[in-house]
């Protein structure tokens, strides 16, 4: 990972820890990540969601290896660029 990528991941981690009020989810999880970018901002959403999933480890969930499904949305918001995250703990299969 580049130095810029590491710095971005660290800033995502700090923001997630500041905003996630519950303790990290344990077990299998399903995050939904919505990337709100300005119009015309292209990019590989897979790279952004990978970075986001890594950065949320320890804040939103205990370990990103427990992600079973992930939803990624890429939308436009010219006013407020941001990343929104919702995550659920999945029930264990019986």
PDB file of N, CA and C in Angstrom:
ATOM      1  N   UNK A   1       0.848  -1.174   0.000  1.00  0.00           N
ATOM      2  CA  UNK A   1       0.000   0.000   0.000  1.00  0.00           C
ATOM      3  C   UNK A   1       0.896   1.241   0.000  1.00  0.00           C
ATOM      4  N   UNK A   2       0.511   2.211  -0.794  1.00  0.00           N
ATOM      5  CA  UNK A   2       1.284   3.451  -0.872  1.00  0.00           C
ATOM      6  C   UNK A   2       1.154   4.242   0.423  1.00  0.00           C
ATOM      7  N   UNK A   3       2.027   5.208   0.601  1.00  0.00           N
ATOM      8  CA  UNK A   3       1.963   6.068   1.787  1.00  0.00           C
ATOM      9  C   UNK A   3       0.638   6.827   1.819  1.00  0.00           C
ATOM     10  N   UNK A   4       0.170   7.269   0.651  1.00  0.00           N
ATOM     11  CA  UNK A   4      -1.112   7.969   0.576  1.00  0.00           C
ATOM     12  C   UNK A   4      -2.270   7.056   0.946  1.00  0.00           C
ATOM     13  N   UNK A   5      -2.199   5.807   0.499  1.00  0.00           N
ATOM     14  CA  UNK A   5      -3.230   4.830   0.835  1.00  0.00           C
ATOM     15  C   UNK A   5      -3.265   4.541   2.324  1.00  0.00           C
ATOM     16  N   UNK A   6      -2.087   4.418   2.927  1.00  0.00           N
ATOM     17  CA  UNK A   6      -2.008   4.181   4.377  1.00  0.00           C
ATOM     18  C   UNK A   6      -2.582   5.359   5.154  1.00  0.00           C
ATOM     19  N   UNK A   7      -2.264   6.562   4.715  1.00  0.00           N
ATOM     20  CA  UNK A   7      -2.778   7.758   5.394  1.00  0.00           C
ATOM     21  C   UNK A   7      -4.300   7.834   5.272  1.00  0.00           C
ATOM     22  N   UNK A   8      -4.825   7.501   4.105  1.00  0.00           N
ATOM     23  CA  UNK A   8      -6.274   7.514   3.901  1.00  0.00           C
ATOM     24  C   UNK A   8      -6.953   6.468   4.778  1.00  0.00           C
ATOM     25  N   UNK A   9      -6.372   5.266   4.843  1.00  0.00           N
ATOM     26  CA  UNK A   9      -6.923   4.207   5.685  1.00  0.00           C
ATOM     27  C   UNK A   9      -6.936   4.643   7.150  1.00  0.00           C
ATOM     28  N   UNK A  10      -5.860   5.250   7.610  1.00  0.00           N
ATOM     29  CA  UNK A  10      -5.797   5.719   8.990  1.00  0.00           C
ATOM     30  C   UNK A  10      -6.851   6.786   9.271  1.00  0.00           C
ATOM     31  N   UNK A  11      -7.073   7.676   8.318  1.00  0.00           N
ATOM     32  CA  UNK A  11      -8.091   8.712   8.532  1.00  0.00           C
ATOM     33  C   UNK A  11      -9.488   8.087   8.561  1.00  0.00           C
ATOM     34  N   UNK A  12      -9.731   7.073   7.723  1.00  0.00           N
ATOM     35  CA  UNK A  12     -11.010   6.349   7.762  1.00  0.00           C
ATOM     36  C   UNK A  12     -11.195   5.672   9.122  1.00  0.00           C
ATOM     37  N   UNK A  13     -10.119   5.048   9.641  1.00  0.00           N
ATOM     38  CA  UNK A  13     -10.205   4.366  10.936  1.00  0.00           C
ATOM     39  C   UNK A  13     -10.532   5.349  12.060  1.00  0.00           C
ATOM     40  N   UNK A  14      -9.866   6.476  12.069  1.00  0.00           N
ATOM     41  CA  UNK A  14     -10.122   7.477  13.108  1.00  0.00           C
ATOM     42  C   UNK A  14     -11.558   7.979  13.044  1.00  0.00           C
ATOM     43  N   UNK A  15     -12.053   8.227  11.843  1.00  0.00           N
ATOM     44  CA  UNK A  15     -13.423   8.708  11.679  1.00  0.00           C
ATOM     45  C   UNK A  15     -14.430   7.644  12.096  1.00  0.00           C
ATOM     46  N   UNK A  16     -14.183   6.394  11.721  1.00  0.00           N
ATOM     47  CA  UNK A  16     -15.087   5.300  12.097  1.00  0.00           C
ATOM     48  C   UNK A  16     -15.142   5.152  13.617  1.00  0.00           C
ATOM     49  N   UNK A  17     -13.996   5.196  14.266  1.00  0.00           N
ATOM     50  CA  UNK A  17     -13.956   5.067  15.728  1.00  0.00           C
ATOM     51  C   UNK A  17     -14.656   6.236  16.414  1.00  0.00           C
ATOM     52  N   UNK A  18     -14.602   7.413  15.810  1.00  0.00           N
ATOM     53  CA  UNK A  18     -15.251   8.581  16.393  1.00  0.00           C
ATOM     54  C   UNK A  18     -16.770   8.515  16.241  1.00  0.00           C
ATOM     55  N   UNK A  19     -17.246   7.860  15.176  1.00  0.00           N
ATOM     56  CA  UNK A  19     -18.681   7.881  14.894  1.00  0.00           C
ATOM     57  C   UNK A  19     -19.431   6.610  15.275  1.00  0.00           C
ATOM     58  N   UNK A  20     -18.761   5.473  15.314  1.00  0.00           N
ATOM     59  CA  UNK A  20     -19.435   4.207  15.648  1.00  0.00           C
ATOM     60  C   UNK A  20     -19.574   4.147  17.162  1.00  0.00           C
ATOM     61  N   UNK A  21     -20.791   4.234  17.663  1.00  0.00           N
ATOM     62  CA  UNK A  21     -21.021   4.349  19.104  1.00  0.00           C
ATOM     63  C   UNK A  21     -21.081   2.998  19.829  1.00  0.00           C
ATOM     64  N   UNK A  22     -21.396   1.939  19.114  1.00  0.00           N
ATOM     65  CA  UNK A  22     -21.512   0.619  19.726  1.00  0.00           C
ATOM     66  C   UNK A  22     -20.147  -0.063  19.748  1.00  0.00           C
ATOM     67  N   UNK A  23     -20.065  -1.162  20.502  1.00  0.00           N
ATOM     68  CA  UNK A  23     -18.819  -1.924  20.451  1.00  0.00           C
ATOM     69  C   UNK A  23     -18.775  -2.660  19.111  1.00  0.00           C
ATOM     70  N   UNK A  24     -17.594  -3.032  18.647  1.00  0.00           N
ATOM     71  CA  UNK A  24     -17.472  -3.703  17.356  1.00  0.00           C
ATOM     72  C   UNK A  24     -18.298  -4.997  17.304  1.00  0.00           C
ATOM     73  N   UNK A  25     -18.922  -5.226  16.144  1.00  0.00           N
ATOM     74  CA  UNK A  25     -19.730  -6.424  15.938  1.00  0.00           C
ATOM     75  C   UNK A  25     -18.818  -7.651  15.894  1.00  0.00           C
ATOM     76  N   UNK A  26     -19.266  -8.723  16.533  1.00  0.00           N
ATOM     77  CA  UNK A  26     -18.508  -9.972  16.521  1.00  0.00           C
ATOM     78  C   UNK A  26     -19.189 -10.959  15.588  1.00  0.00           C
ATOM     79  N   UNK A  27     -18.472 -11.952  15.162  1.00  0.00           N
ATOM     80  CA  UNK A  27     -19.041 -12.977  14.288  1.00  0.00           C
ATOM     81  C   UNK A  27     -19.168 -12.473  12.858  1.00  0.00           C
ATOM     82  N   UNK A  28     -20.051 -13.132  12.104  1.00  0.00           N
ATOM     83  CA  UNK A  28     -20.241 -12.782  10.699  1.00  0.00           C
ATOM     84  C   UNK A  28     -20.979 -11.453  10.577  1.00  0.00           C
ATOM     85  N   UNK A  29     -20.541 -10.638   9.620  1.00  0.00           N
ATOM     86  CA  UNK A  29     -21.113  -9.311   9.438  1.00  0.00           C
ATOM     87  C   UNK A  29     -21.436  -9.041   7.968  1.00  0.00           C
ATOM     88  N   UNK A  30     -22.308  -8.063   7.772  1.00  0.00           N
ATOM     89  CA  UNK A  30     -22.645  -7.589   6.432  1.00  0.00           C
ATOM     90  C   UNK A  30     -22.652  -6.063   6.453  1.00  0.00           C
ATOM     91  N   UNK A  31     -21.608  -5.434   5.925  1.00  0.00           N
ATOM     92  CA  UNK A  31     -21.630  -3.979   5.832  1.00  0.00           C
ATOM     93  C   UNK A  31     -22.237  -3.513   4.510  1.00  0.00           C
ATOM     94  N   UNK A  32     -22.827  -2.337   4.545  1.00  0.00           N
ATOM     95  CA  UNK A  32     -23.263  -1.651   3.334  1.00  0.00           C
ATOM     96  C   UNK A  32     -22.517  -0.327   3.299  1.00  0.00           C
ATOM     97  N   UNK A  33     -21.760  -0.119   2.238  1.00  0.00           N
ATOM     98  CA  UNK A  33     -20.922   1.061   2.096  1.00  0.00           C
ATOM     99  C   UNK A  33     -21.460   1.895   0.944  1.00  0.00           C
ATOM    100  N   UNK A  34     -21.779   3.144   1.230  1.00  0.00           N
ATOM    101  CA  UNK A  34     -22.261   4.052   0.190  1.00  0.00           C
ATOM    102  C   UNK A  34     -21.230   5.150   0.000  1.00  0.00           C
ATOM    103  N   UNK A  35     -20.678   5.202  -1.204  1.00  0.00           N
ATOM    104  CA  UNK A  35     -19.682   6.211  -1.567  1.00  0.00           C
ATOM    105  C   UNK A  35     -20.430   7.356  -2.238  1.00  0.00           C
ATOM    106  N   UNK A  36     -20.413   8.527  -1.655  1.00  0.00           N
ATOM    107  CA  UNK A  36     -21.079   9.698  -2.218  1.00  0.00           C
ATOM    108  C   UNK A  36     -20.014  10.645  -2.740  1.00  0.00           C
ATOM    109  N   UNK A  37     -19.885  10.674  -4.055  1.00  0.00           N
ATOM    110  CA  UNK A  37     -18.850  11.430  -4.736  1.00  0.00           C
ATOM    111  C   UNK A  37     -19.482  12.513  -5.571  1.00  0.00           C
ATOM    112  N   UNK A  38     -18.627  13.436  -6.044  1.00  0.00           N
ATOM    113  CA  UNK A  38     -19.166  14.444  -6.954  1.00  0.00           C
ATOM    114  C   UNK A  38     -19.285  13.831  -8.342  1.00  0.00           C
ATOM    115  N   UNK A  39     -20.174  14.412  -9.127  1.00  0.00           N
ATOM    116  CA  UNK A  39     -20.438  13.893 -10.462  1.00  0.00           C
ATOM    117  C   UNK A  39     -19.153  13.910 -11.285  1.00  0.00           C
ATOM    118  N   UNK A  40     -18.940  12.861 -12.027  1.00  0.00           N
ATOM    119  CA  UNK A  40     -17.778  12.782 -12.890  1.00  0.00           C
ATOM    120  C   UNK A  40     -16.551  12.205 -12.217  1.00  0.00           C
ATOM    121  N   UNK A  41     -16.627  11.928 -10.919  1.00  0.00           N
ATOM    122  CA  UNK A  41     -15.484  11.330 -10.233  1.00  0.00           C
ATOM    123  C   UNK A  41     -15.516   9.835 -10.481  1.00  0.00           C
ATOM    124  N   UNK A  42     -14.644   9.410 -11.350  1.00  0.00           N
ATOM    125  CA  UNK A  42     -14.576   7.990 -11.655  1.00  0.00           C
ATOM    126  C   UNK A  42     -13.546   7.337 -10.758  1.00  0.00           C
ATOM    127  N   UNK A  43     -13.699   6.082 -10.610  1.00  0.00           N
ATOM    128  CA  UNK A  43     -12.754   5.329  -9.812  1.00  0.00           C
ATOM    129  C   UNK A  43     -13.266   3.913  -9.669  1.00  0.00           C
ATOM    130  N   UNK A  44     -12.387   3.045  -9.349  1.00  0.00           N
ATOM    131  CA  UNK A  44     -12.752   1.647  -9.166  1.00  0.00           C
ATOM    132  C   UNK A  44     -13.329   1.483  -7.772  1.00  0.00           C
ATOM    133  N   UNK A  45     -14.631   1.283  -7.698  1.00  0.00           N
ATOM    134  CA  UNK A  45     -15.275   1.208  -6.384  1.00  0.00           C
ATOM    135  C   UNK A  45     -14.748   0.035  -5.573  1.00  0.00           C
ATOM    136  N   UNK A  46     -14.247  -1.005  -6.235  1.00  0.00           N
ATOM    137  CA  UNK A  46     -13.686  -2.139  -5.497  1.00  0.00           C
ATOM    138  C   UNK A  46     -12.500  -1.703  -4.642  1.00  0.00           C
ATOM    139  N   UNK A  47     -11.675  -0.812  -5.181  1.00  0.00           N
ATOM    140  CA  UNK A  47     -10.524  -0.333  -4.407  1.00  0.00           C
ATOM    141  C   UNK A  47     -10.974   0.463  -3.193  1.00  0.00           C
ATOM    142  N   UNK A  48     -11.990   1.299  -3.363  1.00  0.00           N
ATOM    143  CA  UNK A  48     -12.473   2.108  -2.249  1.00  0.00           C
ATOM    144  C   UNK A  48     -13.165   1.244  -1.204  1.00  0.00           C
ATOM    145  N   UNK A  49     -13.932   0.247  -1.651  1.00  0.00           N
ATOM    146  CA  UNK A  49     -14.643  -0.561  -0.652  1.00  0.00           C
ATOM    147  C   UNK A  49     -13.670  -1.478   0.079  1.00  0.00           C
ATOM    148  N   UNK A  50     -12.608  -1.933  -0.571  1.00  0.00           N
ATOM    149  CA  UNK A  50     -11.589  -2.742   0.102  1.00  0.00           C
ATOM    150  C   UNK A  50     -10.917  -1.926   1.200  1.00  0.00           C
ATOM    151  N   UNK A  51     -10.552  -0.712   0.864  1.00  0.00           N
ATOM    152  CA  UNK A  51      -9.926   0.175   1.845  1.00  0.00           C
ATOM    153  C   UNK A  51     -10.883   0.446   3.005  1.00  0.00           C
ATOM    154  N   UNK A  52     -12.154   0.700   2.686  1.00  0.00           N
ATOM    155  CA  UNK A  52     -13.151   0.962   3.728  1.00  0.00           C
ATOM    156  C   UNK A  52     -13.339  -0.249   4.623  1.00  0.00           C
ATOM    157  N   UNK A  53     -13.445  -1.435   4.037  1.00  0.00           N
ATOM    158  CA  UNK A  53     -13.627  -2.659   4.837  1.00  0.00           C
ATOM    159  C   UNK A  53     -12.444  -2.876   5.767  1.00  0.00           C
ATOM    160  N   UNK A  54     -11.238  -2.667   5.274  1.00  0.00           N
ATOM    161  CA  UNK A  54     -10.045  -2.802   6.114  1.00  0.00           C
ATOM    162  C   UNK A  54     -10.063  -1.785   7.253  1.00  0.00           C
ATOM    163  N   UNK A  55     -10.417  -0.552   6.928  1.00  0.00           N
ATOM    164  CA  UNK A  55     -10.378   0.525   7.910  1.00  0.00           C
ATOM    165  C   UNK A  55     -11.426   0.365   9.006  1.00  0.00           C
ATOM    166  N   UNK A  56     -12.524  -0.318   8.718  1.00  0.00           N
ATOM    167  CA  UNK A  56     -13.592  -0.477   9.702  1.00  0.00           C
ATOM    168  C   UNK A  56     -13.299  -1.572  10.723  1.00  0.00           C
ATOM    169  N   UNK A  57     -12.266  -2.377  10.455  1.00  0.00           N
ATOM    170  CA  UNK A  57     -11.865  -3.421  11.394  1.00  0.00           C
ATOM    171  C   UNK A  57     -11.437  -2.789  12.712  1.00  0.00           C
ATOM    172  N   UNK A  58     -11.982  -3.308  13.794  1.00  0.00           N
ATOM    173  CA  UNK A  58     -11.655  -2.800  15.114  1.00  0.00           C
ATOM    174  C   UNK A  58     -12.561  -1.680  15.581  1.00  0.00           C
ATOM    175  N   UNK A  59     -13.302  -1.077  14.665  1.00  0.00           N
ATOM    176  CA  UNK A  59     -14.234  -0.010  15.035  1.00  0.00           C
ATOM    177  C   UNK A  59     -15.674  -0.487  14.869  1.00  0.00           C
ATOM    178  N   UNK A  60     -16.019  -0.924  13.661  1.00  0.00           N
ATOM    179  CA  UNK A  60     -17.383  -1.358  13.363  1.00  0.00           C
ATOM    180  C   UNK A  60     -17.541  -2.856  13.587  1.00  0.00           C
ATOM    181  N   UNK A  61     -16.536  -3.625  13.223  1.00  0.00           N
ATOM    182  CA  UNK A  61     -16.544  -5.072  13.448  1.00  0.00           C
ATOM    183  C   UNK A  61     -15.156  -5.503  13.888  1.00  0.00           C
ATOM    184  N   UNK A  62     -15.121  -6.670  14.505  1.00  0.00           N
ATOM    185  CA  UNK A  62     -13.869  -7.161  15.089  1.00  0.00           C
ATOM    186  C   UNK A  62     -12.839  -7.487  14.009  1.00  0.00           C
ATOM    187  N   UNK A  63     -13.281  -8.118  12.914  1.00  0.00           N
ATOM    188  CA  UNK A  63     -12.332  -8.579  11.905  1.00  0.00           C
ATOM    189  C   UNK A  63     -13.003  -8.605  10.543  1.00  0.00           C
ATOM    190  N   UNK A  64     -12.379  -7.977   9.540  1.00  0.00           N
ATOM    191  CA  UNK A  64     -12.985  -7.956   8.212  1.00  0.00           C
ATOM    192  C   UNK A  64     -12.981  -9.321   7.524  1.00  0.00           C
ATOM    193  N   UNK A  65     -12.281 -10.290   8.093  1.00  0.00           N
ATOM    194  CA  UNK A  65     -12.353 -11.647   7.534  1.00  0.00           C
ATOM    195  C   UNK A  65     -13.714 -12.284   7.797  1.00  0.00           C
ATOM    196  N   UNK A  66     -14.522 -11.671   8.678  1.00  0.00           N
ATOM    197  CA  UNK A  66     -15.850 -12.191   9.010  1.00  0.00           C
ATOM    198  C   UNK A  66     -16.948 -11.581   8.137  1.00  0.00           C
ATOM    199  N   UNK A  67     -16.571 -10.763   7.154  1.00  0.00           N
ATOM    200  CA  UNK A  67     -17.563 -10.214   6.227  1.00  0.00           C
ATOM    201  C   UNK A  67     -18.056 -11.341   5.322  1.00  0.00           C
ATOM    202  N   UNK A  68     -19.341 -11.565   5.323  1.00  0.00           N
ATOM    203  CA  UNK A  68     -19.934 -12.620   4.492  1.00  0.00           C
ATOM    204  C   UNK A  68     -20.582 -12.056   3.240  1.00  0.00           C
ATOM    205  N   UNK A  69     -21.102 -10.858   3.350  1.00  0.00           N
ATOM    206  CA  UNK A  69     -21.669 -10.144   2.205  1.00  0.00           C
ATOM    207  C   UNK A  69     -21.343  -8.679   2.405  1.00  0.00           C
ATOM    208  N   UNK A  70     -21.171  -7.983   1.295  1.00  0.00           N
ATOM    209  CA  UNK A  70     -20.976  -6.543   1.370  1.00  0.00           C
ATOM    210  C   UNK A  70     -21.741  -5.896   0.225  1.00  0.00           C
ATOM    211  N   UNK A  71     -22.410  -4.821   0.530  1.00  0.00           N
ATOM    212  CA  UNK A  71     -23.118  -4.040  -0.489  1.00  0.00           C
ATOM    213  C   UNK A  71     -22.334  -2.749  -0.676  1.00  0.00           C
ATOM    214  N   UNK A  72     -22.097  -2.385  -1.933  1.00  0.00           N
ATOM    215  CA  UNK A  72     -21.379  -1.149  -2.223  1.00  0.00           C
ATOM    216  C   UNK A  72     -22.204  -0.328  -3.206  1.00  0.00           C
ATOM    217  N   UNK A  73     -22.498   0.905  -2.816  1.00  0.00           N
ATOM    218  CA  UNK A  73     -23.248   1.822  -3.659  1.00  0.00           C
ATOM    219  C   UNK A  73     -22.360   3.015  -3.981  1.00  0.00           C
ATOM    220  N   UNK A  74     -22.425   3.474  -5.204  1.00  0.00           N
ATOM    221  CA  UNK A  74     -21.663   4.657  -5.615  1.00  0.00           C
ATOM    222  C   UNK A  74     -22.679   5.674  -6.128  1.00  0.00           C
ATOM    223  N   UNK A  75     -22.853   6.771  -5.378  1.00  0.00           N
ATOM    224  CA  UNK A  75     -23.842   7.779  -5.701  1.00  0.00           C
ATOM    225  C   UNK A  75     -23.186   9.149  -5.831  1.00  0.00           C
ATOM    226  N   UNK A  76     -23.955  10.104  -6.299  1.00  0.00           N
ATOM    227  CA  UNK A  76     -23.450  11.459  -6.492  1.00  0.00           C
ATOM    228  C   UNK A  76     -24.051  12.400  -5.456  1.00  0.00           C
ATOM    229  N   UNK A  77     -23.222  13.210  -4.833  1.00  0.00           N
ATOM    230  CA  UNK A  77     -23.668  14.294  -3.958  1.00  0.00           C
ATOM    231  C   UNK A  77     -22.638  15.408  -4.093  1.00  0.00           C
ATOM    232  N   UNK A  78     -22.966  16.415  -4.852  1.00  0.00           N
ATOM    233  CA  UNK A  78     -22.025  17.503  -5.123  1.00  0.00           C
ATOM    234  C   UNK A  78     -21.747  18.355  -3.882  1.00  0.00           C
ATOM    235  N   UNK A  79     -22.682  18.353  -2.943  1.00  0.00           N
ATOM    236  CA  UNK A  79     -22.581  19.216  -1.775  1.00  0.00           C
ATOM    237  C   UNK A  79     -21.678  18.652  -0.676  1.00  0.00           C
ATOM    238  N   UNK A  80     -21.833  17.338  -0.390  1.00  0.00           N
ATOM    239  CA  UNK A  80     -21.100  16.724   0.730  1.00  0.00           C
ATOM    240  C   UNK A  80     -20.499  15.388   0.311  1.00  0.00           C
ATOM    241  N   UNK A  81     -19.243  15.379  -0.016  1.00  0.00           N
ATOM    242  CA  UNK A  81     -18.555  14.128  -0.335  1.00  0.00           C
ATOM    243  C   UNK A  81     -18.382  13.356   0.962  1.00  0.00           C
ATOM    244  N   UNK A  82     -18.718  12.054   0.934  1.00  0.00           N
ATOM    245  CA  UNK A  82     -18.615  11.271   2.163  1.00  0.00           C
ATOM    246  C   UNK A  82     -18.749   9.787   1.867  1.00  0.00           C
ATOM    247  N   UNK A  83     -18.515   9.008   2.890  1.00  0.00           N
ATOM    248  CA  UNK A  83     -18.750   7.568   2.859  1.00  0.00           C
ATOM    249  C   UNK A  83     -19.682   7.263   4.015  1.00  0.00           C
ATOM    250  N   UNK A  84     -20.774   6.573   3.722  1.00  0.00           N
ATOM    251  CA  UNK A  84     -21.720   6.177   4.764  1.00  0.00           C
ATOM    252  C   UNK A  84     -21.647   4.665   4.923  1.00  0.00           C
ATOM    253  N   UNK A  85     -21.697   4.218   6.158  1.00  0.00           N
ATOM    254  CA  UNK A  85     -21.581   2.788   6.455  1.00  0.00           C
ATOM    255  C   UNK A  85     -22.721   2.370   7.384  1.00  0.00           C
ATOM    256  N   UNK A  86     -23.341   1.259   7.044  1.00  0.00           N
ATOM    257  CA  UNK A  86     -24.285   0.574   7.923  1.00  0.00           C
ATOM    258  C   UNK A  86     -23.789  -0.862   7.980  1.00  0.00           C
ATOM    259  N   UNK A  87     -23.837  -1.472   9.145  1.00  0.00           N
ATOM    260  CA  UNK A  87     -23.356  -2.860   9.265  1.00  0.00           C
ATOM    261  C   UNK A  87     -24.290  -3.657  10.164  1.00  0.00           C
ATOM    262  N   UNK A  88     -24.464  -4.908   9.813  1.00  0.00           N
ATOM    263  CA  UNK A  88     -25.304  -5.820  10.577  1.00  0.00           C
ATOM    264  C   UNK A  88     -24.497  -7.041  10.991  1.00  0.00           C
ATOM    265  N   UNK A  89     -24.814  -7.546  12.174  1.00  0.00           N
ATOM    266  CA  UNK A  89     -24.294  -8.845  12.593  1.00  0.00           C
ATOM    267  C   UNK A  89     -25.244  -9.891  12.011  1.00  0.00           C
ATOM    268  N   UNK A  90     -24.704 -10.904  11.384  1.00  0.00           N
ATOM    269  CA  UNK A  90     -25.515 -11.960  10.795  1.00  0.00           C
ATOM    270  C   UNK A  90     -25.715 -13.083  11.814  1.00  0.00           C
ATOM    271  N   UNK A  91     -26.884 -13.642  11.802  1.00  0.00           N
ATOM    272  CA  UNK A  91     -27.165 -14.758  12.706  1.00  0.00           C
ATOM    273  C   UNK A  91     -26.423 -15.992  12.198  1.00  0.00           C
ATOM    274  N   UNK A  92     -25.939 -16.766  13.135  1.00  0.00           N
ATOM    275  CA  UNK A  92     -25.249 -18.014  12.785  1.00  0.00           C
ATOM    276  C   UNK A  92     -26.241 -18.996  12.194  1.00  0.00           C
ATOM    277  N   UNK A  93     -25.817 -19.734  11.182  1.00  0.00           N
ATOM    278  CA  UNK A  93     -26.666 -20.757  10.581  1.00  0.00           C
ATOM    279  C   UNK A  93     -26.877 -21.895  11.586  1.00  0.00           C
ATOM    280  N   UNK A  94     -28.118 -22.391  11.631  1.00  0.00           N
ATOM    281  CA  UNK A  94     -28.369 -23.485  12.580  1.00  0.00           C
ATOM    282  C   UNK A  94     -28.338 -24.825  11.909  1.00  0.00           C
TER     283      UNK A  94
END
